[in-house]
Amino acid sequence: MQKSSIAQAIEGNTKLVFKPNVEFYDNTQINKKRWALIYRGEKEATKSELEKIAAYFSIPIQKFFK
């Protein structure tokens, strides 16, 4: 199974899987259900959500795009 672009940006080419915690949800203001849909690539993140995710992980937002 191919990782979504967000999962790829966060995890790279490793077999590690990001497990969000309460801090992540609080900082990004994305709920668990929405995050799961975005993470699996079933829904696209909004610009605001991408900005919050990028800020949380301290990675450039451009890493979310192939």
N, C-alpha and C. Protein backbone atom coordinates (compact mmCIF):
# COMPACT_ATOMS: atom_id res chain seq x y z
N MET A 1 0.84 -1.18 0.00
CA MET A 1 0.00 0.00 0.00
C MET A 1 0.88 1.24 0.00
N GLN A 2 0.62 2.15 -0.91
CA GLN A 2 1.40 3.37 -1.00
C GLN A 2 0.91 4.39 0.02
N LYS A 3 1.85 5.06 0.66
CA LYS A 3 1.50 6.07 1.65
C LYS A 3 0.97 7.31 0.96
N SER A 4 0.06 8.03 1.65
CA SER A 4 -0.41 9.31 1.13
C SER A 4 0.75 10.29 1.15
N SER A 5 0.62 11.40 0.45
CA SER A 5 1.71 12.38 0.41
C SER A 5 1.98 12.96 1.79
N ILE A 6 0.96 13.07 2.63
CA ILE A 6 1.17 13.58 3.99
C ILE A 6 1.92 12.55 4.81
N ALA A 7 1.51 11.30 4.74
CA ALA A 7 2.21 10.25 5.47
C ALA A 7 3.65 10.15 4.99
N GLN A 8 3.86 10.25 3.70
CA GLN A 8 5.20 10.19 3.12
C GLN A 8 6.06 11.34 3.64
N ALA A 9 5.50 12.53 3.70
CA ALA A 9 6.26 13.69 4.17
C ALA A 9 6.63 13.55 5.65
N ILE A 10 5.74 12.96 6.43
CA ILE A 10 5.98 12.82 7.86
C ILE A 10 6.92 11.65 8.16
N GLU A 11 6.70 10.53 7.51
CA GLU A 11 7.42 9.31 7.83
C GLU A 11 8.57 8.97 6.88
N GLY A 12 8.59 9.60 5.73
CA GLY A 12 9.62 9.30 4.75
C GLY A 12 9.46 7.89 4.22
N ASN A 13 10.56 7.24 3.93
CA ASN A 13 10.53 5.88 3.37
C ASN A 13 10.73 4.82 4.44
N THR A 14 10.41 5.15 5.69
CA THR A 14 10.58 4.19 6.77
C THR A 14 9.30 3.37 6.94
N LYS A 15 9.39 2.36 7.74
CA LYS A 15 8.21 1.56 8.07
C LYS A 15 7.54 2.08 9.33
N LEU A 16 8.07 3.15 9.89
CA LEU A 16 7.48 3.76 11.08
C LEU A 16 6.16 4.42 10.72
N VAL A 17 5.21 4.34 11.62
CA VAL A 17 3.90 4.94 11.42
C VAL A 17 3.68 5.98 12.51
N PHE A 18 3.31 7.18 12.11
CA PHE A 18 3.05 8.25 13.07
C PHE A 18 1.79 7.94 13.85
N LYS A 19 1.87 7.99 15.16
CA LYS A 19 0.73 7.78 16.05
C LYS A 19 0.43 9.11 16.74
N PRO A 20 -0.60 9.82 16.28
CA PRO A 20 -0.90 11.12 16.87
C PRO A 20 -1.34 11.00 18.33
N ASN A 21 -1.05 12.04 19.10
CA ASN A 21 -1.47 12.08 20.49
C ASN A 21 -2.32 13.32 20.72
N VAL A 22 -2.75 13.52 21.94
CA VAL A 22 -3.62 14.65 22.28
C VAL A 22 -2.95 15.98 21.91
N GLU A 23 -1.65 16.08 22.14
CA GLU A 23 -0.92 17.30 21.81
C GLU A 23 -1.05 17.62 20.32
N PHE A 24 -0.91 16.60 19.47
CA PHE A 24 -1.03 16.81 18.04
C PHE A 24 -2.41 17.35 17.69
N TYR A 25 -3.45 16.68 18.19
CA TYR A 25 -4.82 17.10 17.90
C TYR A 25 -5.10 18.51 18.42
N ASP A 26 -4.60 18.82 19.60
CA ASP A 26 -4.80 20.16 20.16
C ASP A 26 -4.07 21.22 19.34
N ASN A 27 -2.84 20.94 18.95
CA ASN A 27 -2.05 21.92 18.20
C ASN A 27 -2.55 22.15 16.79
N THR A 28 -3.03 21.09 16.15
CA THR A 28 -3.47 21.23 14.76
C THR A 28 -4.95 21.55 14.64
N GLN A 29 -5.71 21.32 15.72
CA GLN A 29 -7.16 21.52 15.70
C GLN A 29 -7.83 20.64 14.64
N ILE A 30 -7.26 19.45 14.43
CA ILE A 30 -7.83 18.45 13.52
C ILE A 30 -8.29 17.29 14.39
N ASN A 31 -9.54 16.87 14.22
CA ASN A 31 -10.03 15.77 15.07
C ASN A 31 -9.54 14.42 14.53
N LYS A 32 -9.72 13.39 15.34
CA LYS A 32 -9.19 12.06 15.01
C LYS A 32 -9.75 11.51 13.70
N LYS A 33 -11.04 11.64 13.51
CA LYS A 33 -11.65 11.10 12.29
C LYS A 33 -11.12 11.83 11.06
N ARG A 34 -11.09 13.15 11.11
CA ARG A 34 -10.60 13.95 9.98
C ARG A 34 -9.14 13.60 9.70
N TRP A 35 -8.32 13.49 10.75
CA TRP A 35 -6.91 13.17 10.57
C TRP A 35 -6.75 11.82 9.88
N ALA A 36 -7.52 10.82 10.29
CA ALA A 36 -7.42 9.50 9.68
C ALA A 36 -7.73 9.56 8.19
N LEU A 37 -8.74 10.31 7.81
CA LEU A 37 -9.10 10.45 6.40
C LEU A 37 -7.99 11.15 5.61
N ILE A 38 -7.42 12.18 6.19
CA ILE A 38 -6.33 12.92 5.52
C ILE A 38 -5.10 12.03 5.42
N TYR A 39 -4.75 11.39 6.52
CA TYR A 39 -3.55 10.57 6.59
C TYR A 39 -3.59 9.43 5.58
N ARG A 40 -4.74 8.81 5.43
CA ARG A 40 -4.88 7.70 4.47
C ARG A 40 -5.05 8.18 3.04
N GLY A 41 -5.18 9.49 2.84
CA GLY A 41 -5.33 10.02 1.49
C GLY A 41 -6.75 9.94 0.97
N GLU A 42 -7.71 9.69 1.85
CA GLU A 42 -9.11 9.59 1.43
C GLU A 42 -9.75 10.97 1.27
N LYS A 43 -9.24 11.95 1.98
CA LYS A 43 -9.69 13.34 1.87
C LYS A 43 -8.46 14.22 1.74
N GLU A 44 -8.62 15.33 1.05
CA GLU A 44 -7.52 16.28 0.94
C GLU A 44 -7.57 17.26 2.09
N ALA A 45 -6.41 17.59 2.61
CA ALA A 45 -6.33 18.57 3.69
C ALA A 45 -6.53 19.96 3.12
N THR A 46 -7.11 20.84 3.91
CA THR A 46 -7.26 22.22 3.50
C THR A 46 -5.91 22.92 3.64
N LYS A 47 -5.80 24.10 3.07
CA LYS A 47 -4.56 24.86 3.18
C LYS A 47 -4.23 25.13 4.65
N SER A 48 -5.24 25.49 5.41
CA SER A 48 -5.05 25.75 6.84
C SER A 48 -4.55 24.51 7.58
N GLU A 49 -5.15 23.36 7.27
CA GLU A 49 -4.72 22.11 7.91
C GLU A 49 -3.28 21.78 7.52
N LEU A 50 -2.93 21.94 6.26
CA LEU A 50 -1.55 21.68 5.83
C LEU A 50 -0.56 22.58 6.55
N GLU A 51 -0.93 23.85 6.71
CA GLU A 51 -0.05 24.79 7.41
C GLU A 51 0.15 24.36 8.86
N LYS A 52 -0.92 23.92 9.51
CA LYS A 52 -0.82 23.49 10.92
C LYS A 52 0.00 22.22 11.06
N ILE A 53 -0.20 21.28 10.14
CA ILE A 53 0.56 20.02 10.18
C ILE A 53 2.04 20.31 9.93
N ALA A 54 2.33 21.13 8.94
CA ALA A 54 3.72 21.48 8.64
C ALA A 54 4.38 22.17 9.83
N ALA A 55 3.66 23.07 10.47
CA ALA A 55 4.21 23.77 11.64
C ALA A 55 4.46 22.79 12.78
N TYR A 56 3.54 21.88 13.00
CA TYR A 56 3.68 20.91 14.09
C TYR A 56 4.94 20.07 13.90
N PHE A 57 5.19 19.62 12.68
CA PHE A 57 6.34 18.77 12.40
C PHE A 57 7.59 19.56 12.01
N SER A 58 7.48 20.87 11.93
CA SER A 58 8.60 21.73 11.53
C SER A 58 9.19 21.28 10.20
N ILE A 59 8.30 21.05 9.24
CA ILE A 59 8.74 20.69 7.90
C ILE A 59 8.11 21.66 6.90
N PRO A 60 8.78 21.91 5.78
CA PRO A 60 8.22 22.82 4.79
C PRO A 60 6.93 22.24 4.20
N ILE A 61 5.96 23.09 4.00
CA ILE A 61 4.66 22.66 3.46
C ILE A 61 4.82 22.02 2.07
N GLN A 62 5.87 22.38 1.34
CA GLN A 62 6.09 21.84 0.01
C GLN A 62 6.36 20.33 0.04
N LYS A 63 6.76 19.78 1.19
CA LYS A 63 7.03 18.34 1.29
C LYS A 63 5.74 17.52 1.15
N PHE A 64 4.59 18.17 1.30
CA PHE A 64 3.32 17.46 1.18
C PHE A 64 2.90 17.25 -0.27
N PHE A 65 3.63 17.87 -1.19
CA PHE A 65 3.27 17.77 -2.60
C PHE A 65 4.36 17.03 -3.34
N LYS A 66 3.94 16.16 -4.24
CA LYS A 66 4.92 15.37 -5.01
C LYS A 66 5.43 16.15 -6.18
